[in-house]
Amino acid sequence: MPTYTFYDEVKDYQYEEFMFISKLDEYKKNNPNVRQIYTPIAIVGDHLMGVGPKTDGGFNDNMKRIASAHPGSPLADRYGSGASNAQIKTRNIVDKQRKNNK
């Protein structure tokens, strides 16, 4: 059962009632000096990236696979490029030689 917030305009008083949704219309009809106050719903969760529990191995493997397809992206910086140590060392040497030959 949900909790509803009401405001009594005569008594200038705000209060909450716990009732079935089927009884809500009847309650408002029987209490004409009361109006319902709608409050926002608070959604609490850890569904945002970087917040909450750690991701499982399957998710990380998939992110590494995507990062290896885009080696220069921020995703590759975060999850690694998927390249082996030998490939990374080779790429660093090639990049260094290219800079020296300019």
PDB file of N, CA and C in Angstrom:
ATOM      1  N   MET A   1       0.834  -1.177   0.000  1.00  0.00           N
ATOM      2  CA  MET A   1       0.000   0.000   0.000  1.00  0.00           C
ATOM      3  C   MET A   1       0.880   1.241   0.000  1.00  0.00           C
ATOM      4  N   PRO A   2       0.500   2.205  -0.826  1.00  0.00           N
ATOM      5  CA  PRO A   2       1.279   3.447  -0.865  1.00  0.00           C
ATOM      6  C   PRO A   2       0.868   4.420   0.232  1.00  0.00           C
ATOM      7  N   THR A   3       1.741   5.343   0.470  1.00  0.00           N
ATOM      8  CA  THR A   3       1.492   6.430   1.413  1.00  0.00           C
ATOM      9  C   THR A   3       1.218   7.688   0.608  1.00  0.00           C
ATOM     10  N   TYR A   4       0.128   8.370   0.929  1.00  0.00           N
ATOM     11  CA  TYR A   4      -0.264   9.583   0.228  1.00  0.00           C
ATOM     12  C   TYR A   4      -0.116  10.775   1.164  1.00  0.00           C
ATOM     13  N   THR A   5       0.307  11.897   0.598  1.00  0.00           N
ATOM     14  CA  THR A   5       0.464  13.127   1.364  1.00  0.00           C
ATOM     15  C   THR A   5      -0.708  14.044   1.043  1.00  0.00           C
ATOM     16  N   PHE A   6      -1.327  14.590   2.101  1.00  0.00           N
ATOM     17  CA  PHE A   6      -2.479  15.469   1.957  1.00  0.00           C
ATOM     18  C   PHE A   6      -2.230  16.775   2.696  1.00  0.00           C
ATOM     19  N   TYR A   7      -2.980  17.788   2.272  1.00  0.00           N
ATOM     20  CA  TYR A   7      -2.933  19.093   2.925  1.00  0.00           C
ATOM     21  C   TYR A   7      -4.364  19.496   3.259  1.00  0.00           C
ATOM     22  N   ASP A   8      -4.620  19.727   4.536  1.00  0.00           N
ATOM     23  CA  ASP A   8      -5.928  20.184   4.989  1.00  0.00           C
ATOM     24  C   ASP A   8      -5.910  21.706   4.949  1.00  0.00           C
ATOM     25  N   GLU A   9      -6.706  22.280   4.052  1.00  0.00           N
ATOM     26  CA  GLU A   9      -6.704  23.725   3.852  1.00  0.00           C
ATOM     27  C   GLU A   9      -7.357  24.474   5.006  1.00  0.00           C
ATOM     28  N   VAL A  10      -8.279  23.857   5.721  1.00  0.00           N
ATOM     29  CA  VAL A  10      -8.949  24.510   6.843  1.00  0.00           C
ATOM     30  C   VAL A  10      -8.015  24.593   8.045  1.00  0.00           C
ATOM     31  N   LYS A  11      -7.365  23.504   8.351  1.00  0.00           N
ATOM     32  CA  LYS A  11      -6.490  23.448   9.535  1.00  0.00           C
ATOM     33  C   LYS A  11      -5.051  23.867   9.224  1.00  0.00           C
ATOM     34  N   ASP A  12      -4.767  24.108   7.935  1.00  0.00           N
ATOM     35  CA  ASP A  12      -3.404  24.442   7.496  1.00  0.00           C
ATOM     36  C   ASP A  12      -2.411  23.404   8.026  1.00  0.00           C
ATOM     37  N   TYR A  13      -2.677  22.169   7.647  1.00  0.00           N
ATOM     38  CA  TYR A  13      -1.937  21.034   8.200  1.00  0.00           C
ATOM     39  C   TYR A  13      -1.642  20.024   7.097  1.00  0.00           C
ATOM     40  N   GLN A  14      -0.420  19.590   7.038  1.00  0.00           N
ATOM     41  CA  GLN A  14      -0.007  18.570   6.066  1.00  0.00           C
ATOM     42  C   GLN A  14       0.200  17.254   6.804  1.00  0.00           C
ATOM     43  N   TYR A  15      -0.292  16.172   6.200  1.00  0.00           N
ATOM     44  CA  TYR A  15      -0.177  14.858   6.842  1.00  0.00           C
ATOM     45  C   TYR A  15      -0.133  13.762   5.787  1.00  0.00           C
ATOM     46  N   GLU A  16       0.164  12.566   6.231  1.00  0.00           N
ATOM     47  CA  GLU A  16       0.255  11.404   5.345  1.00  0.00           C
ATOM     48  C   GLU A  16      -0.760  10.354   5.758  1.00  0.00           C
ATOM     49  N   GLU A  17      -1.296   9.680   4.763  1.00  0.00           N
ATOM     50  CA  GLU A  17      -2.230   8.575   4.985  1.00  0.00           C
ATOM     51  C   GLU A  17      -1.724   7.358   4.219  1.00  0.00           C
ATOM     52  N   PHE A  18      -1.880   6.218   4.832  1.00  0.00           N
ATOM     53  CA  PHE A  18      -1.475   4.939   4.276  1.00  0.00           C
ATOM     54  C   PHE A  18      -2.751   4.194   3.901  1.00  0.00           C
ATOM     55  N   MET A  19      -3.004   4.028   2.571  1.00  0.00           N
ATOM     56  CA  MET A  19      -4.262   3.409   2.158  1.00  0.00           C
ATOM     57  C   MET A  19      -4.120   2.763   0.789  1.00  0.00           C
ATOM     58  N   PHE A  20      -5.079   1.909   0.472  1.00  0.00           N
ATOM     59  CA  PHE A  20      -5.132   1.297  -0.846  1.00  0.00           C
ATOM     60  C   PHE A  20      -5.466   2.360  -1.885  1.00  0.00           C
ATOM     61  N   ILE A  21      -4.980   2.162  -3.101  1.00  0.00           N
ATOM     62  CA  ILE A  21      -5.268   3.115  -4.165  1.00  0.00           C
ATOM     63  C   ILE A  21      -6.758   3.137  -4.497  1.00  0.00           C
ATOM     64  N   SER A  22      -7.434   2.021  -4.282  1.00  0.00           N
ATOM     65  CA  SER A  22      -8.872   1.961  -4.547  1.00  0.00           C
ATOM     66  C   SER A  22      -9.672   2.828  -3.573  1.00  0.00           C
ATOM     67  N   LYS A  23      -9.123   3.120  -2.418  1.00  0.00           N
ATOM     68  CA  LYS A  23      -9.801   3.941  -1.417  1.00  0.00           C
ATOM     69  C   LYS A  23      -9.474   5.432  -1.558  1.00  0.00           C
ATOM     70  N   LEU A  24      -8.519   5.774  -2.400  1.00  0.00           N
ATOM     71  CA  LEU A  24      -8.062   7.154  -2.518  1.00  0.00           C
ATOM     72  C   LEU A  24      -9.166   8.089  -3.011  1.00  0.00           C
ATOM     73  N   ASP A  25      -9.842   7.733  -4.077  1.00  0.00           N
ATOM     74  CA  ASP A  25     -10.900   8.593  -4.615  1.00  0.00           C
ATOM     75  C   ASP A  25     -12.021   8.801  -3.603  1.00  0.00           C
ATOM     76  N   GLU A  26     -12.388   7.756  -2.911  1.00  0.00           N
ATOM     77  CA  GLU A  26     -13.440   7.857  -1.898  1.00  0.00           C
ATOM     78  C   GLU A  26     -13.001   8.778  -0.753  1.00  0.00           C
ATOM     79  N   TYR A  27     -11.742   8.676  -0.346  1.00  0.00           N
ATOM     80  CA  TYR A  27     -11.224   9.514   0.733  1.00  0.00           C
ATOM     81  C   TYR A  27     -11.257  10.992   0.327  1.00  0.00           C
ATOM     82  N   LYS A  28     -10.829  11.289  -0.897  1.00  0.00           N
ATOM     83  CA  LYS A  28     -10.832  12.679  -1.360  1.00  0.00           C
ATOM     84  C   LYS A  28     -12.260  13.215  -1.511  1.00  0.00           C
ATOM     85  N   LYS A  29     -13.171  12.344  -1.900  1.00  0.00           N
ATOM     86  CA  LYS A  29     -14.575  12.745  -2.056  1.00  0.00           C
ATOM     87  C   LYS A  29     -15.219  13.045  -0.693  1.00  0.00           C
ATOM     88  N   ASN A  30     -14.880  12.258   0.315  1.00  0.00           N
ATOM     89  CA  ASN A  30     -15.435  12.434   1.662  1.00  0.00           C
ATOM     90  C   ASN A  30     -14.774  13.577   2.430  1.00  0.00           C
ATOM     91  N   ASN A  31     -13.650  14.061   1.966  1.00  0.00           N
ATOM     92  CA  ASN A  31     -12.918  15.146   2.635  1.00  0.00           C
ATOM     93  C   ASN A  31     -12.663  16.275   1.629  1.00  0.00           C
ATOM     94  N   PRO A  32     -13.653  17.116   1.372  1.00  0.00           N
ATOM     95  CA  PRO A  32     -13.497  18.149   0.339  1.00  0.00           C
ATOM     96  C   PRO A  32     -12.494  19.247   0.702  1.00  0.00           C
ATOM     97  N   ASN A  33     -12.209  19.433   1.979  1.00  0.00           N
ATOM     98  CA  ASN A  33     -11.257  20.460   2.379  1.00  0.00           C
ATOM     99  C   ASN A  33      -9.806  19.974   2.301  1.00  0.00           C
ATOM    100  N   VAL A  34      -9.619  18.755   1.867  1.00  0.00           N
ATOM    101  CA  VAL A  34      -8.280  18.159   1.779  1.00  0.00           C
ATOM    102  C   VAL A  34      -7.890  18.025   0.313  1.00  0.00           C
ATOM    103  N   ARG A  35      -6.666  18.407   0.020  1.00  0.00           N
ATOM    104  CA  ARG A  35      -6.156  18.180  -1.338  1.00  0.00           C
ATOM    105  C   ARG A  35      -4.882  17.350  -1.254  1.00  0.00           C
ATOM    106  N   GLN A  36      -4.691  16.564  -2.275  1.00  0.00           N
ATOM    107  CA  GLN A  36      -3.528  15.669  -2.304  1.00  0.00           C
ATOM    108  C   GLN A  36      -2.304  16.440  -2.773  1.00  0.00           C
ATOM    109  N   ILE A  37      -1.179  16.187  -2.143  1.00  0.00           N
ATOM    110  CA  ILE A  37       0.094  16.782  -2.531  1.00  0.00           C
ATOM    111  C   ILE A  37       0.901  15.695  -3.220  1.00  0.00           C
ATOM    112  N   TYR A  38       1.326  15.996  -4.419  1.00  0.00           N
ATOM    113  CA  TYR A  38       2.112  15.029  -5.187  1.00  0.00           C
ATOM    114  C   TYR A  38       3.584  15.300  -4.946  1.00  0.00           C
ATOM    115  N   THR A  39       4.268  14.284  -4.481  1.00  0.00           N
ATOM    116  CA  THR A  39       5.695  14.393  -4.210  1.00  0.00           C
ATOM    117  C   THR A  39       6.456  13.569  -5.242  1.00  0.00           C
ATOM    118  N   PRO A  40       7.657  13.986  -5.602  1.00  0.00           N
ATOM    119  CA  PRO A  40       8.432  13.219  -6.572  1.00  0.00           C
ATOM    120  C   PRO A  40       8.844  11.864  -6.009  1.00  0.00           C
ATOM    121  N   ILE A  41       8.961  10.919  -6.890  1.00  0.00           N
ATOM    122  CA  ILE A  41       9.376   9.576  -6.504  1.00  0.00           C
ATOM    123  C   ILE A  41      10.894   9.549  -6.432  1.00  0.00           C
ATOM    124  N   ALA A  42      11.418   9.048  -5.364  1.00  0.00           N
ATOM    125  CA  ALA A  42      12.864   8.927  -5.204  1.00  0.00           C
ATOM    126  C   ALA A  42      13.302   7.563  -5.718  1.00  0.00           C
ATOM    127  N   ILE A  43      14.097   7.578  -6.761  1.00  0.00           N
ATOM    128  CA  ILE A  43      14.614   6.335  -7.316  1.00  0.00           C
ATOM    129  C   ILE A  43      16.047   6.191  -6.835  1.00  0.00           C
ATOM    130  N   VAL A  44      16.273   5.160  -6.096  1.00  0.00           N
ATOM    131  CA  VAL A  44      17.588   4.920  -5.528  1.00  0.00           C
ATOM    132  C   VAL A  44      18.162   3.687  -6.194  1.00  0.00           C
ATOM    133  N   GLY A  45      19.394   3.783  -6.632  1.00  0.00           N
ATOM    134  CA  GLY A  45      19.994   2.628  -7.263  1.00  0.00           C
ATOM    135  C   GLY A  45      21.474   2.826  -7.506  1.00  0.00           C
ATOM    136  N   ASP A  46      22.113   1.769  -7.862  1.00  0.00           N
ATOM    137  CA  ASP A  46      23.535   1.803  -8.157  1.00  0.00           C
ATOM    138  C   ASP A  46      23.756   1.410  -9.610  1.00  0.00           C
ATOM    139  N   HIS A  47      22.866   1.878 -10.468  1.00  0.00           N
ATOM    140  CA  HIS A  47      22.913   1.503 -11.866  1.00  0.00           C
ATOM    141  C   HIS A  47      23.808   2.415 -12.697  1.00  0.00           C
ATOM    142  N   LEU A  48      24.398   3.424 -12.102  1.00  0.00           N
ATOM    143  CA  LEU A  48      25.254   4.337 -12.833  1.00  0.00           C
ATOM    144  C   LEU A  48      26.669   3.797 -12.903  1.00  0.00           C
ATOM    145  N   MET A  49      27.334   4.062 -14.010  1.00  0.00           N
ATOM    146  CA  MET A  49      28.711   3.582 -14.170  1.00  0.00           C
ATOM    147  C   MET A  49      29.625   4.198 -13.127  1.00  0.00           C
ATOM    148  N   GLY A  50      30.446   3.394 -12.537  1.00  0.00           N
ATOM    149  CA  GLY A  50      31.408   3.878 -11.566  1.00  0.00           C
ATOM    150  C   GLY A  50      30.847   4.030 -10.167  1.00  0.00           C
ATOM    151  N   VAL A  51      29.579   3.746  -9.979  1.00  0.00           N
ATOM    152  CA  VAL A  51      28.951   3.869  -8.673  1.00  0.00           C
ATOM    153  C   VAL A  51      28.365   2.514  -8.321  1.00  0.00           C
ATOM    154  N   GLY A  52      28.543   2.081  -7.112  1.00  0.00           N
ATOM    155  CA  GLY A  52      27.910   0.843  -6.682  1.00  0.00           C
ATOM    156  C   GLY A  52      28.851  -0.345  -6.754  1.00  0.00           C
ATOM    157  N   PRO A  53      28.262  -1.522  -6.866  1.00  0.00           N
ATOM    158  CA  PRO A  53      29.079  -2.732  -6.844  1.00  0.00           C
ATOM    159  C   PRO A  53      29.956  -2.856  -8.086  1.00  0.00           C
ATOM    160  N   LYS A  54      30.980  -3.660  -7.962  1.00  0.00           N
ATOM    161  CA  LYS A  54      31.897  -3.852  -9.084  1.00  0.00           C
ATOM    162  C   LYS A  54      31.203  -4.611 -10.203  1.00  0.00           C
ATOM    163  N   THR A  55      31.658  -4.355 -11.416  1.00  0.00           N
ATOM    164  CA  THR A  55      31.095  -5.051 -12.573  1.00  0.00           C
ATOM    165  C   THR A  55      31.678  -6.456 -12.654  1.00  0.00           C
ATOM    166  N   ASP A  56      30.929  -7.341 -13.267  1.00  0.00           N
ATOM    167  CA  ASP A  56      31.395  -8.721 -13.365  1.00  0.00           C
ATOM    168  C   ASP A  56      32.412  -8.873 -14.490  1.00  0.00           C
ATOM    169  N   GLY A  57      33.050 -10.024 -14.548  1.00  0.00           N
ATOM    170  CA  GLY A  57      34.094 -10.286 -15.525  1.00  0.00           C
ATOM    171  C   GLY A  57      33.607 -10.249 -16.952  1.00  0.00           C
ATOM    172  N   GLY A  58      32.393 -10.711 -17.203  1.00  0.00           N
ATOM    173  CA  GLY A  58      31.847 -10.708 -18.557  1.00  0.00           C
ATOM    174  C   GLY A  58      31.691  -9.307 -19.108  1.00  0.00           C
ATOM    175  N   PHE A  59      31.230  -8.392 -18.259  1.00  0.00           N
ATOM    176  CA  PHE A  59      31.088  -7.006 -18.681  1.00  0.00           C
ATOM    177  C   PHE A  59      32.456  -6.412 -19.005  1.00  0.00           C
ATOM    178  N   ASN A  60      33.435  -6.661 -18.121  1.00  0.00           N
ATOM    179  CA  ASN A  60      34.782  -6.128 -18.352  1.00  0.00           C
ATOM    180  C   ASN A  60      35.399  -6.705 -19.613  1.00  0.00           C
ATOM    181  N   ASP A  61      35.191  -7.998 -19.870  1.00  0.00           N
ATOM    182  CA  ASP A  61      35.715  -8.606 -21.096  1.00  0.00           C
ATOM    183  C   ASP A  61      35.103  -7.969 -22.333  1.00  0.00           C
ATOM    184  N   ASN A  62      33.805  -7.702 -22.275  1.00  0.00           N
ATOM    185  CA  ASN A  62      33.131  -7.073 -23.407  1.00  0.00           C
ATOM    186  C   ASN A  62      33.648  -5.656 -23.627  1.00  0.00           C
ATOM    187  N   MET A  63      33.873  -4.921 -22.545  1.00  0.00           N
ATOM    188  CA  MET A  63      34.400  -3.566 -22.674  1.00  0.00           C
ATOM    189  C   MET A  63      35.828  -3.586 -23.231  1.00  0.00           C
ATOM    190  N   LYS A  64      36.631  -4.579 -22.838  1.00  0.00           N
ATOM    191  CA  LYS A  64      37.983  -4.708 -23.389  1.00  0.00           C
ATOM    192  C   LYS A  64      37.943  -5.025 -24.873  1.00  0.00           C
ATOM    193  N   ARG A  65      36.965  -5.851 -25.286  1.00  0.00           N
ATOM    194  CA  ARG A  65      36.821  -6.196 -26.703  1.00  0.00           C
ATOM    195  C   ARG A  65      36.471  -4.949 -27.507  1.00  0.00           C
ATOM    196  N   ILE A  66      35.575  -4.134 -26.994  1.00  0.00           N
ATOM    197  CA  ILE A  66      35.199  -2.896 -27.674  1.00  0.00           C
ATOM    198  C   ILE A  66      36.382  -1.931 -27.700  1.00  0.00           C
ATOM    199  N   ALA A  67      37.116  -1.856 -26.590  1.00  0.00           N
ATOM    200  CA  ALA A  67      38.268  -0.959 -26.504  1.00  0.00           C
ATOM    201  C   ALA A  67      39.367  -1.369 -27.475  1.00  0.00           C
ATOM    202  N   SER A  68      39.543  -2.663 -27.694  1.00  0.00           N
ATOM    203  CA  SER A  68      40.578  -3.110 -28.636  1.00  0.00           C
ATOM    204  C   SER A  68      40.225  -2.730 -30.068  1.00  0.00           C
ATOM    205  N   ALA A  69      38.943  -2.578 -30.372  1.00  0.00           N
ATOM    206  CA  ALA A  69      38.537  -2.138 -31.704  1.00  0.00           C
ATOM    207  C   ALA A  69      38.754  -0.637 -31.886  1.00  0.00           C
ATOM    208  N   HIS A  70      38.902   0.097 -30.781  1.00  0.00           N
ATOM    209  CA  HIS A  70      39.107   1.550 -30.811  1.00  0.00           C
ATOM    210  C   HIS A  70      40.285   1.902 -29.917  1.00  0.00           C
ATOM    211  N   PRO A  71      41.510   1.615 -30.350  1.00  0.00           N
ATOM    212  CA  PRO A  71      42.677   1.751 -29.469  1.00  0.00           C
ATOM    213  C   PRO A  71      42.983   3.175 -29.014  1.00  0.00           C
ATOM    214  N   GLY A  72      42.583   4.192 -29.733  1.00  0.00           N
ATOM    215  CA  GLY A  72      42.905   5.558 -29.340  1.00  0.00           C
ATOM    216  C   GLY A  72      41.813   6.226 -28.519  1.00  0.00           C
ATOM    217  N   SER A  73      40.803   5.499 -28.161  1.00  0.00           N
ATOM    218  CA  SER A  73      39.653   6.090 -27.475  1.00  0.00           C
ATOM    219  C   SER A  73      39.846   6.144 -25.964  1.00  0.00           C
ATOM    220  N   PRO A  74      39.059   6.960 -25.274  1.00  0.00           N
ATOM    221  CA  PRO A  74      39.107   6.979 -23.808  1.00  0.00           C
ATOM    222  C   PRO A  74      38.708   5.635 -23.201  1.00  0.00           C
ATOM    223  N   LEU A  75      37.878   4.887 -23.918  1.00  0.00           N
ATOM    224  CA  LEU A  75      37.502   3.560 -23.446  1.00  0.00           C
ATOM    225  C   LEU A  75      38.726   2.646 -23.396  1.00  0.00           C
ATOM    226  N   ALA A  76      39.605   2.778 -24.387  1.00  0.00           N
ATOM    227  CA  ALA A  76      40.835   1.987 -24.398  1.00  0.00           C
ATOM    228  C   ALA A  76      41.759   2.404 -23.263  1.00  0.00           C
ATOM    229  N   ASP A  77      41.749   3.698 -22.929  1.00  0.00           N
ATOM    230  CA  ASP A  77      42.556   4.153 -21.797  1.00  0.00           C
ATOM    231  C   ASP A  77      42.052   3.565 -20.491  1.00  0.00           C
ATOM    232  N   ARG A  78      40.742   3.409 -20.382  1.00  0.00           N
ATOM    233  CA  ARG A  78      40.154   2.912 -19.145  1.00  0.00           C
ATOM    234  C   ARG A  78      40.244   1.400 -19.018  1.00  0.00           C
ATOM    235  N   TYR A  79      39.944   0.681 -20.087  1.00  0.00           N
ATOM    236  CA  TYR A  79      39.885  -0.779 -20.033  1.00  0.00           C
ATOM    237  C   TYR A  79      41.066  -1.468 -20.700  1.00  0.00           C
ATOM    238  N   GLY A  80      41.989  -0.709 -21.254  1.00  0.00           N
ATOM    239  CA  GLY A  80      43.124  -1.308 -21.939  1.00  0.00           C
ATOM    240  C   GLY A  80      42.782  -1.550 -23.392  1.00  0.00           C
ATOM    241  N   SER A  81      43.795  -1.615 -24.201  1.00  0.00           N
ATOM    242  CA  SER A  81      43.555  -1.761 -25.641  1.00  0.00           C
ATOM    243  C   SER A  81      43.349  -3.212 -26.042  1.00  0.00           C
ATOM    244  N   GLY A  82      43.580  -4.142 -25.152  1.00  0.00           N
ATOM    245  CA  GLY A  82      43.428  -5.553 -25.480  1.00  0.00           C
ATOM    246  C   GLY A  82      44.672  -6.144 -26.123  1.00  0.00           C
ATOM    247  N   ALA A  83      45.709  -5.322 -26.292  1.00  0.00           N
ATOM    248  CA  ALA A  83      46.938  -5.791 -26.918  1.00  0.00           C
ATOM    249  C   ALA A  83      47.839  -6.444 -25.872  1.00  0.00           C
ATOM    250  N   SER A  84      48.650  -7.355 -26.333  1.00  0.00           N
ATOM    251  CA  SER A  84      49.594  -8.004 -25.431  1.00  0.00           C
ATOM    252  C   SER A  84      50.742  -7.046 -25.113  1.00  0.00           C
ATOM    253  N   ASN A  85      51.558  -7.406 -24.123  1.00  0.00           N
ATOM    254  CA  ASN A  85      52.696  -6.562 -23.753  1.00  0.00           C
ATOM    255  C   ASN A  85      53.664  -6.392 -24.915  1.00  0.00           C
ATOM    256  N   ALA A  86      53.880  -7.456 -25.675  1.00  0.00           N
ATOM    257  CA  ALA A  86      54.788  -7.378 -26.826  1.00  0.00           C
ATOM    258  C   ALA A  86      54.255  -6.411 -27.870  1.00  0.00           C
ATOM    259  N   GLN A  87      52.950  -6.440 -28.110  1.00  0.00           N
ATOM    260  CA  GLN A  87      52.363  -5.526 -29.086  1.00  0.00           C
ATOM    261  C   GLN A  87      52.449  -4.082 -28.610  1.00  0.00           C
ATOM    262  N   ILE A  88      52.241  -3.868 -27.321  1.00  0.00           N
ATOM    263  CA  ILE A  88      52.325  -2.515 -26.776  1.00  0.00           C
ATOM    264  C   ILE A  88      53.749  -1.981 -26.871  1.00  0.00           C
ATOM    265  N   LYS A  89      54.746  -2.820 -26.532  1.00  0.00           N
ATOM    266  CA  LYS A  89      56.153  -2.393 -26.623  1.00  0.00           C
ATOM    267  C   LYS A  89      56.532  -2.096 -28.063  1.00  0.00           C
ATOM    268  N   THR A  90      56.084  -2.922 -28.982  1.00  0.00           N
ATOM    269  CA  THR A  90      56.376  -2.702 -30.401  1.00  0.00           C
ATOM    270  C   THR A  90      55.761  -1.387 -30.867  1.00  0.00           C
ATOM    271  N   ARG A  91      54.526  -1.125 -30.487  1.00  0.00           N
ATOM    272  CA  ARG A  91      53.865   0.114 -30.885  1.00  0.00           C
ATOM    273  C   ARG A  91      54.596   1.320 -30.303  1.00  0.00           C
ATOM    274  N   ASN A  92      55.055   1.218 -29.050  1.00  0.00           N
ATOM    275  CA  ASN A  92      55.790   2.333 -28.438  1.00  0.00           C
ATOM    276  C   ASN A  92      57.103   2.604 -29.161  1.00  0.00           C
ATOM    277  N   ILE A  93      57.799   1.548 -29.569  1.00  0.00           N
ATOM    278  CA  ILE A  93      59.064   1.719 -30.301  1.00  0.00           C
ATOM    279  C   ILE A  93      58.812   2.360 -31.645  1.00  0.00           C
ATOM    280  N   VAL A  94      57.786   1.905 -32.345  1.00  0.00           N
ATOM    281  CA  VAL A  94      57.451   2.476 -33.657  1.00  0.00           C
ATOM    282  C   VAL A  94      57.077   3.947 -33.503  1.00  0.00           C
ATOM    283  N   ASP A  95      56.278   4.273 -32.513  1.00  0.00           N
ATOM    284  CA  ASP A  95      55.899   5.673 -32.286  1.00  0.00           C
ATOM    285  C   ASP A  95      57.114   6.527 -31.960  1.00  0.00           C
ATOM    286  N   LYS A  96      58.029   5.991 -31.164  1.00  0.00           N
ATOM    287  CA  LYS A  96      59.238   6.725 -30.807  1.00  0.00           C
ATOM    288  C   LYS A  96      60.103   6.983 -32.039  1.00  0.00           C
ATOM    289  N   GLN A  97      60.228   5.990 -32.902  1.00  0.00           N
ATOM    290  CA  GLN A  97      61.027   6.150 -34.123  1.00  0.00           C
ATOM    291  C   GLN A  97      60.391   7.163 -35.067  1.00  0.00           C
ATOM    292  N   ARG A  98      59.068   7.146 -35.134  1.00  0.00           N
ATOM    293  CA  ARG A  98      58.390   8.118 -36.001  1.00  0.00           C
ATOM    294  C   ARG A  98      58.650   9.547 -35.518  1.00  0.00           C
ATOM    295  N   LYS A  99      58.623   9.737 -34.188  1.00  0.00           N
ATOM    296  CA  LYS A  99      58.898  11.071 -33.647  1.00  0.00           C
ATOM    297  C   LYS A  99      60.333  11.500 -33.926  1.00  0.00           C
ATOM    298  N   ASN A 100      61.283  10.562 -33.830  1.00  0.00           N
ATOM    299  CA  ASN A 100      62.694  10.883 -34.049  1.00  0.00           C
ATOM    300  C   ASN A 100      63.000  11.187 -35.508  1.00  0.00           C
ATOM    301  N   ASN A 101      62.257  10.586 -36.419  1.00  0.00           N
ATOM    302  CA  ASN A 101      62.520  10.762 -37.856  1.00  0.00           C
ATOM    303  C   ASN A 101      61.863  12.020 -38.414  1.00  0.00           C
ATOM    304  N   LYS A 102      61.086  12.707 -37.656  1.00  0.00           N
ATOM    305  CA  LYS A 102      60.441  13.937 -38.154  1.00  0.00           C
ATOM    306  C   LYS A 102      61.360  15.096 -38.197  1.00  0.00           C
TER     307      LYS A 102
END
